[in-house]
Amino acid sequence: GRVVFDGEDIGGKPPHAATQRGIGRTFQNIR
C-alpha cells in the first residue's frame, strides 16, 4: 500500500522524513 501526504508518497520513509514534511504526533504511552 501507499501513504500519500500533501501530494507526496511517504510510505516507508523514516520518522524524521514524516516530521520534516509536516506530520507531528503524540504517543499512547508518554514519551
PDB file of all heavy atoms in Angstrom:
ATOM      1  N   GLY A   1       0.803  -1.216   0.000  1.00  0.00           N
ATOM      2  CA  GLY A   1       0.000   0.000   0.000  1.00  0.00           C
ATOM      3  C   GLY A   1       0.835   1.265   0.000  1.00  0.00           C
ATOM      4  O   GLY A   1       2.069   1.222   0.022  1.00  0.00           O
ATOM      5  N   ARG A   2       0.137   2.401  -0.021  1.00  0.00           N
ATOM      6  CA  ARG A   2       0.799   3.709  -0.122  1.00  0.00           C
ATOM      7  C   ARG A   2       0.261   4.660   0.931  1.00  0.00           C
ATOM      8  O   ARG A   2      -0.903   4.564   1.344  1.00  0.00           O
ATOM      9  CB  ARG A   2       0.561   4.303  -1.510  1.00  0.00           C
ATOM     10  CG  ARG A   2       1.079   3.468  -2.661  1.00  0.00           C
ATOM     11  CD  ARG A   2       0.550   3.993  -3.985  1.00  0.00           C
ATOM     12  NE  ARG A   2       0.987   5.364  -4.233  1.00  0.00           N
ATOM     13  CZ  ARG A   2       0.280   6.274  -4.908  1.00  0.00           C
ATOM     14  NH1 ARG A   2      -0.923   5.954  -5.384  1.00  0.00           N
ATOM     15  NH2 ARG A   2       0.755   7.477  -5.107  1.00  0.00           N
ATOM     16  N   VAL A   3       1.126   5.589   1.341  1.00  0.00           N
ATOM     17  CA  VAL A   3       0.732   6.706   2.199  1.00  0.00           C
ATOM     18  C   VAL A   3       1.101   7.986   1.456  1.00  0.00           C
ATOM     19  O   VAL A   3       2.284   8.259   1.225  1.00  0.00           O
ATOM     20  CB  VAL A   3       1.450   6.674   3.565  1.00  0.00           C
ATOM     21  CG1 VAL A   3       1.032   7.881   4.405  1.00  0.00           C
ATOM     22  CG2 VAL A   3       1.154   5.386   4.308  1.00  0.00           C
ATOM     23  N   VAL A   4       0.098   8.736   1.036  1.00  0.00           N
ATOM     24  CA  VAL A   4       0.331   9.970   0.281  1.00  0.00           C
ATOM     25  C   VAL A   4      -0.014  11.146   1.179  1.00  0.00           C
ATOM     26  O   VAL A   4      -1.165  11.304   1.605  1.00  0.00           O
ATOM     27  CB  VAL A   4      -0.521  10.007  -1.008  1.00  0.00           C
ATOM     28  CG1 VAL A   4      -0.278  11.311  -1.764  1.00  0.00           C
ATOM     29  CG2 VAL A   4      -0.211   8.804  -1.887  1.00  0.00           C
ATOM     30  N   PHE A   5       0.995  11.958   1.464  1.00  0.00           N
ATOM     31  CA  PHE A   5       0.807  13.121   2.333  1.00  0.00           C
ATOM     32  C   PHE A   5       1.156  14.387   1.572  1.00  0.00           C
ATOM     33  O   PHE A   5       2.263  14.529   1.055  1.00  0.00           O
ATOM     34  CB  PHE A   5       1.691  13.014   3.582  1.00  0.00           C
ATOM     35  CG  PHE A   5       1.588  14.211   4.484  1.00  0.00           C
ATOM     36  CD1 PHE A   5       0.439  14.444   5.236  1.00  0.00           C
ATOM     37  CD2 PHE A   5       2.628  15.118   4.581  1.00  0.00           C
ATOM     38  CE1 PHE A   5       0.339  15.551   6.056  1.00  0.00           C
ATOM     39  CE2 PHE A   5       2.539  16.231   5.404  1.00  0.00           C
ATOM     40  CZ  PHE A   5       1.384  16.450   6.144  1.00  0.00           C
ATOM     41  N   ASP A   6       0.178  15.285   1.490  1.00  0.00           N
ATOM     42  CA  ASP A   6       0.384  16.568   0.810  1.00  0.00           C
ATOM     43  C   ASP A   6       0.934  16.351  -0.605  1.00  0.00           C
ATOM     44  O   ASP A   6       1.823  17.070  -1.059  1.00  0.00           O
ATOM     45  CB  ASP A   6       1.326  17.445   1.635  1.00  0.00           C
ATOM     46  CG  ASP A   6       1.104  18.930   1.389  1.00  0.00           C
ATOM     47  OD1 ASP A   6       0.068  19.293   0.797  1.00  0.00           O
ATOM     48  OD2 ASP A   6       1.970  19.740   1.784  1.00  0.00           O
ATOM     49  N   GLY A   7       0.405  15.325  -1.271  1.00  0.00           N
ATOM     50  CA  GLY A   7       0.769  15.055  -2.654  1.00  0.00           C
ATOM     51  C   GLY A   7       2.002  14.200  -2.858  1.00  0.00           C
ATOM     52  O   GLY A   7       2.354  13.883  -3.990  1.00  0.00           O
ATOM     53  N   GLU A   8       2.664  13.778  -1.777  1.00  0.00           N
ATOM     54  CA  GLU A   8       3.909  13.003  -1.890  1.00  0.00           C
ATOM     55  C   GLU A   8       3.742  11.639  -1.236  1.00  0.00           C
ATOM     56  O   GLU A   8       3.210  11.529  -0.136  1.00  0.00           O
ATOM     57  CB  GLU A   8       5.055  13.753  -1.219  1.00  0.00           C
ATOM     58  CG  GLU A   8       6.389  13.043  -1.306  1.00  0.00           C
ATOM     59  CD  GLU A   8       7.514  13.810  -0.626  1.00  0.00           C
ATOM     60  OE1 GLU A   8       7.257  14.915  -0.122  1.00  0.00           O
ATOM     61  OE2 GLU A   8       8.643  13.287  -0.595  1.00  0.00           O
ATOM     62  N   ASP A   9       4.231  10.603  -1.903  1.00  0.00           N
ATOM     63  CA  ASP A   9       4.198   9.252  -1.341  1.00  0.00           C
ATOM     64  C   ASP A   9       5.302   9.137  -0.296  1.00  0.00           C
ATOM     65  O   ASP A   9       6.491   9.192  -0.618  1.00  0.00           O
ATOM     66  CB  ASP A   9       4.406   8.216  -2.448  1.00  0.00           C
ATOM     67  CG  ASP A   9       4.144   6.787  -1.964  1.00  0.00           C
ATOM     68  OD1 ASP A   9       4.081   6.578  -0.734  1.00  0.00           O
ATOM     69  OD2 ASP A   9       4.011   5.895  -2.814  1.00  0.00           O
ATOM     70  N   ILE A  10       4.902   8.995   0.978  1.00  0.00           N
ATOM     71  CA  ILE A  10       5.885   8.923   2.062  1.00  0.00           C
ATOM     72  C   ILE A  10       5.912   7.535   2.698  1.00  0.00           C
ATOM     73  O   ILE A  10       6.592   7.334   3.711  1.00  0.00           O
ATOM     74  CB  ILE A  10       5.613   9.980   3.146  1.00  0.00           C
ATOM     75  CG1 ILE A  10       4.254   9.742   3.814  1.00  0.00           C
ATOM     76  CG2 ILE A  10       5.709  11.387   2.569  1.00  0.00           C
ATOM     77  CD1 ILE A  10       4.056  10.552   5.084  1.00  0.00           C
ATOM     78  N   GLY A  11       5.177   6.581   2.154  1.00  0.00           N
ATOM     79  CA  GLY A  11       5.125   5.244   2.722  1.00  0.00           C
ATOM     80  C   GLY A  11       6.504   4.611   2.801  1.00  0.00           C
ATOM     81  O   GLY A  11       7.217   4.549   1.799  1.00  0.00           O
ATOM     82  N   GLY A  12       6.899   4.173   3.989  1.00  0.00           N
ATOM     83  CA  GLY A  12       8.192   3.531   4.163  1.00  0.00           C
ATOM     84  C   GLY A  12       9.336   4.474   4.457  1.00  0.00           C
ATOM     85  O   GLY A  12      10.438   4.023   4.766  1.00  0.00           O
ATOM     86  N   LYS A  13       9.104   5.788   4.364  1.00  0.00           N
ATOM     87  CA  LYS A  13      10.162   6.734   4.719  1.00  0.00           C
ATOM     88  C   LYS A  13      10.317   6.764   6.242  1.00  0.00           C
ATOM     89  O   LYS A  13       9.370   6.494   6.978  1.00  0.00           O
ATOM     90  CB  LYS A  13       9.846   8.131   4.185  1.00  0.00           C
ATOM     91  CG  LYS A  13       9.866   8.237   2.661  1.00  0.00           C
ATOM     92  CD  LYS A  13       9.695   9.667   2.200  1.00  0.00           C
ATOM     93  CE  LYS A  13       9.634   9.769   0.678  1.00  0.00           C
ATOM     94  NZ  LYS A  13      10.900   9.353   0.049  1.00  0.00           N
ATOM     95  N   PRO A  14      11.510   7.103   6.758  1.00  0.00           N
ATOM     96  CA  PRO A  14      11.737   7.077   8.203  1.00  0.00           C
ATOM     97  C   PRO A  14      10.965   8.174   8.929  1.00  0.00           C
ATOM     98  O   PRO A  14      10.511   9.146   8.304  1.00  0.00           O
ATOM     99  CB  PRO A  14      13.253   7.293   8.327  1.00  0.00           C
ATOM    100  CG  PRO A  14      13.637   7.999   7.062  1.00  0.00           C
ATOM    101  CD  PRO A  14      12.724   7.467   5.996  1.00  0.00           C
ATOM    102  N   PRO A  15      10.816   8.055  10.264  1.00  0.00           N
ATOM    103  CA  PRO A  15      10.019   9.030  11.021  1.00  0.00           C
ATOM    104  C   PRO A  15      10.462  10.481  10.837  1.00  0.00           C
ATOM    105  O   PRO A  15       9.616  11.371  10.744  1.00  0.00           O
ATOM    106  CB  PRO A  15      10.214   8.573  12.472  1.00  0.00           C
ATOM    107  CG  PRO A  15      10.441   7.100  12.368  1.00  0.00           C
ATOM    108  CD  PRO A  15      11.242   6.911  11.110  1.00  0.00           C
ATOM    109  N   HIS A  16      11.776  10.720  10.757  1.00  0.00           N
ATOM    110  CA  HIS A  16      12.207  12.119  10.628  1.00  0.00           C
ATOM    111  C   HIS A  16      11.754  12.722   9.297  1.00  0.00           C
ATOM    112  O   HIS A  16      11.513  13.926   9.204  1.00  0.00           O
ATOM    113  CB  HIS A  16      13.735  12.245  10.787  1.00  0.00           C
ATOM    114  CG  HIS A  16      14.530  11.695   9.637  1.00  0.00           C
ATOM    115  ND1 HIS A  16      15.036  10.411   9.628  1.00  0.00           N
ATOM    116  CD2 HIS A  16      14.917  12.265   8.461  1.00  0.00           C
ATOM    117  CE1 HIS A  16      15.696  10.215   8.494  1.00  0.00           C
ATOM    118  NE2 HIS A  16      15.633  11.315   7.771  1.00  0.00           N
ATOM    119  N   ALA A  17      11.601  11.887   8.271  1.00  0.00           N
ATOM    120  CA  ALA A  17      11.124  12.382   6.978  1.00  0.00           C
ATOM    121  C   ALA A  17       9.659  12.806   7.082  1.00  0.00           C
ATOM    122  O   ALA A  17       9.255  13.829   6.516  1.00  0.00           O
ATOM    123  CB  ALA A  17      11.300  11.316   5.902  1.00  0.00           C
ATOM    124  N   ALA A  18       8.854  12.018   7.806  1.00  0.00           N
ATOM    125  CA  ALA A  18       7.453  12.382   8.012  1.00  0.00           C
ATOM    126  C   ALA A  18       7.355  13.676   8.817  1.00  0.00           C
ATOM    127  O   ALA A  18       6.534  14.554   8.525  1.00  0.00           O
ATOM    128  CB  ALA A  18       6.721  11.254   8.726  1.00  0.00           C
ATOM    129  N   THR A  19       8.210  13.812   9.821  1.00  0.00           N
ATOM    130  CA  THR A  19       8.213  15.030  10.650  1.00  0.00           C
ATOM    131  C   THR A  19       8.588  16.248   9.817  1.00  0.00           C
ATOM    132  O   THR A  19       7.938  17.297   9.892  1.00  0.00           O
ATOM    133  CB  THR A  19       9.195  14.876  11.824  1.00  0.00           C
ATOM    134  OG1 THR A  19       8.833  13.741  12.605  1.00  0.00           O
ATOM    135  CG2 THR A  19       9.170  16.116  12.714  1.00  0.00           C
ATOM    136  N   GLN A  20       9.619  16.127   9.016  1.00  0.00           N
ATOM    137  CA  GLN A  20      10.074  17.245   8.185  1.00  0.00           C
ATOM    138  C   GLN A  20       9.007  17.679   7.191  1.00  0.00           C
ATOM    139  O   GLN A  20       8.893  18.865   6.865  1.00  0.00           O
ATOM    140  CB  GLN A  20      11.359  16.863   7.449  1.00  0.00           C
ATOM    141  CG  GLN A  20      12.573  16.794   8.363  1.00  0.00           C
ATOM    142  CD  GLN A  20      13.794  16.239   7.651  1.00  0.00           C
ATOM    143  OE1 GLN A  20      13.690  15.596   6.587  1.00  0.00           O
ATOM    144  NE2 GLN A  20      14.972  16.462   8.214  1.00  0.00           N
ATOM    145  N   ARG A  21       8.188  16.740   6.734  1.00  0.00           N
ATOM    146  CA  ARG A  21       7.156  17.067   5.755  1.00  0.00           C
ATOM    147  C   ARG A  21       5.896  17.629   6.412  1.00  0.00           C
ATOM    148  O   ARG A  21       5.015  18.113   5.715  1.00  0.00           O
ATOM    149  CB  ARG A  21       6.843  15.834   4.905  1.00  0.00           C
ATOM    150  CG  ARG A  21       7.931  15.552   3.883  1.00  0.00           C
ATOM    151  CD  ARG A  21       7.896  14.127   3.356  1.00  0.00           C
ATOM    152  NE  ARG A  21       8.913  13.923   2.329  1.00  0.00           N
ATOM    153  CZ  ARG A  21      10.207  13.758   2.583  1.00  0.00           C
ATOM    154  NH1 ARG A  21      10.642  13.781   3.827  1.00  0.00           N
ATOM    155  NH2 ARG A  21      11.062  13.582   1.595  1.00  0.00           N
ATOM    156  N   GLY A  22       5.801  17.524   7.750  1.00  0.00           N
ATOM    157  CA  GLY A  22       4.691  18.188   8.425  1.00  0.00           C
ATOM    158  C   GLY A  22       3.731  17.297   9.174  1.00  0.00           C
ATOM    159  O   GLY A  22       2.570  17.656   9.358  1.00  0.00           O
ATOM    160  N   ILE A  23       4.200  16.116   9.616  1.00  0.00           N
ATOM    161  CA  ILE A  23       3.366  15.246  10.447  1.00  0.00           C
ATOM    162  C   ILE A  23       3.939  15.239  11.863  1.00  0.00           C
ATOM    163  O   ILE A  23       5.075  14.806  12.083  1.00  0.00           O
ATOM    164  CB  ILE A  23       3.311  13.807   9.905  1.00  0.00           C
ATOM    165  CG1 ILE A  23       2.715  13.786   8.495  1.00  0.00           C
ATOM    166  CG2 ILE A  23       2.482  12.923  10.830  1.00  0.00           C
ATOM    167  CD1 ILE A  23       2.654  12.407   7.862  1.00  0.00           C
ATOM    168  N   GLY A  24       3.155  15.739  12.810  1.00  0.00           N
ATOM    169  CA  GLY A  24       3.545  15.697  14.212  1.00  0.00           C
ATOM    170  C   GLY A  24       2.657  14.718  14.957  1.00  0.00           C
ATOM    171  O   GLY A  24       1.525  14.460  14.546  1.00  0.00           O
ATOM    172  N   ARG A  25       3.169  14.184  16.096  1.00  0.00           N
ATOM    173  CA  ARG A  25       2.368  13.193  16.812  1.00  0.00           C
ATOM    174  C   ARG A  25       2.686  13.199  18.303  1.00  0.00           C
ATOM    175  O   ARG A  25       3.750  13.647  18.727  1.00  0.00           O
ATOM    176  CB  ARG A  25       2.591  11.796  16.249  1.00  0.00           C
ATOM    177  CG  ARG A  25       3.940  11.185  16.613  1.00  0.00           C
ATOM    178  CD  ARG A  25       4.008   9.704  16.256  1.00  0.00           C
ATOM    179  NE  ARG A  25       3.108   8.887  17.045  1.00  0.00           N
ATOM    180  CZ  ARG A  25       3.005   7.570  16.926  1.00  0.00           C
ATOM    181  NH1 ARG A  25       3.734   6.920  16.034  1.00  0.00           N
ATOM    182  NH2 ARG A  25       2.172   6.882  17.690  1.00  0.00           N
ATOM    183  N   THR A  26       1.718  12.694  19.068  1.00  0.00           N
ATOM    184  CA  THR A  26       1.949  12.323  20.452  1.00  0.00           C
ATOM    185  C   THR A  26       1.822  10.806  20.535  1.00  0.00           C
ATOM    186  O   THR A  26       1.473  10.144  19.553  1.00  0.00           O
ATOM    187  CB  THR A  26       0.940  12.987  21.402  1.00  0.00           C
ATOM    188  OG1 THR A  26      -0.377  12.491  21.111  1.00  0.00           O
ATOM    189  CG2 THR A  26       0.948  14.499  21.243  1.00  0.00           C
ATOM    190  N   PHE A  27       2.072  10.252  21.728  1.00  0.00           N
ATOM    191  CA  PHE A  27       2.127   8.802  21.865  1.00  0.00           C
ATOM    192  C   PHE A  27       1.147   8.315  22.913  1.00  0.00           C
ATOM    193  O   PHE A  27       0.835   9.019  23.883  1.00  0.00           O
ATOM    194  CB  PHE A  27       3.542   8.355  22.232  1.00  0.00           C
ATOM    195  CG  PHE A  27       4.561   8.620  21.157  1.00  0.00           C
ATOM    196  CD1 PHE A  27       5.208   9.839  21.083  1.00  0.00           C
ATOM    197  CD2 PHE A  27       4.845   7.646  20.202  1.00  0.00           C
ATOM    198  CE1 PHE A  27       6.136  10.094  20.083  1.00  0.00           C
ATOM    199  CE2 PHE A  27       5.772   7.895  19.198  1.00  0.00           C
ATOM    200  CZ  PHE A  27       6.417   9.122  19.134  1.00  0.00           C
ATOM    201  N   GLN A  28       0.674   7.072  22.719  1.00  0.00           N
ATOM    202  CA  GLN A  28      -0.240   6.461  23.675  1.00  0.00           C
ATOM    203  C   GLN A  28       0.419   6.384  25.058  1.00  0.00           C
ATOM    204  O   GLN A  28      -0.186   6.719  26.070  1.00  0.00           O
ATOM    205  CB  GLN A  28      -0.620   5.057  23.192  1.00  0.00           C
ATOM    206  CG  GLN A  28      -1.589   4.331  24.105  1.00  0.00           C
ATOM    207  CD  GLN A  28      -1.964   2.962  23.541  1.00  0.00           C
ATOM    208  OE1 GLN A  28      -1.531   2.577  22.459  1.00  0.00           O
ATOM    209  NE2 GLN A  28      -2.762   2.231  24.275  1.00  0.00           N
ATOM    210  N   ASN A  29       1.668   5.939  25.078  1.00  0.00           N
ATOM    211  CA  ASN A  29       2.463   5.943  26.301  1.00  0.00           C
ATOM    212  C   ASN A  29       3.407   7.134  26.225  1.00  0.00           C
ATOM    213  O   ASN A  29       4.231   7.217  25.314  1.00  0.00           O
ATOM    214  CB  ASN A  29       3.263   4.641  26.432  1.00  0.00           C
ATOM    215  CG  ASN A  29       2.354   3.424  26.493  1.00  0.00           C
ATOM    216  OD1 ASN A  29       1.391   3.397  27.245  1.00  0.00           O
ATOM    217  ND2 ASN A  29       2.645   2.421  25.667  1.00  0.00           N
ATOM    218  N   ILE A  30       3.272   8.048  27.165  1.00  0.00           N
ATOM    219  CA  ILE A  30       4.003   9.309  27.122  1.00  0.00           C
ATOM    220  C   ILE A  30       5.495   9.066  26.913  1.00  0.00           C
ATOM    221  O   ILE A  30       6.107   8.258  27.611  1.00  0.00           O
ATOM    222  CB  ILE A  30       3.764  10.111  28.412  1.00  0.00           C
ATOM    223  CG1 ILE A  30       2.298  10.541  28.499  1.00  0.00           C
ATOM    224  CG2 ILE A  30       4.668  11.337  28.461  1.00  0.00           C
ATOM    225  CD1 ILE A  30       1.926  11.190  29.805  1.00  0.00           C
ATOM    226  N   ARG A  31       6.077   9.767  25.953  1.00  0.00           N
ATOM    227  CA  ARG A  31       7.499   9.609  25.640  1.00  0.00           C
ATOM    228  C   ARG A  31       8.198  10.959  25.727  1.00  0.00           C
ATOM    229  O   ARG A  31       8.549  11.564  24.715  1.00  0.00           O
ATOM    230  CB  ARG A  31       7.685   9.003  24.253  1.00  0.00           C
ATOM    231  CG  ARG A  31       7.121   7.600  24.120  1.00  0.00           C
ATOM    232  CD  ARG A  31       7.460   6.997  22.783  1.00  0.00           C
ATOM    233  NE  ARG A  31       6.798   5.719  22.580  1.00  0.00           N
ATOM    234  CZ  ARG A  31       6.907   4.984  21.484  1.00  0.00           C
ATOM    235  NH1 ARG A  31       7.669   5.404  20.487  1.00  0.00           N
ATOM    236  NH2 ARG A  31       6.252   3.836  21.370  1.00  0.00           N
TER     237      ARG A  31
END
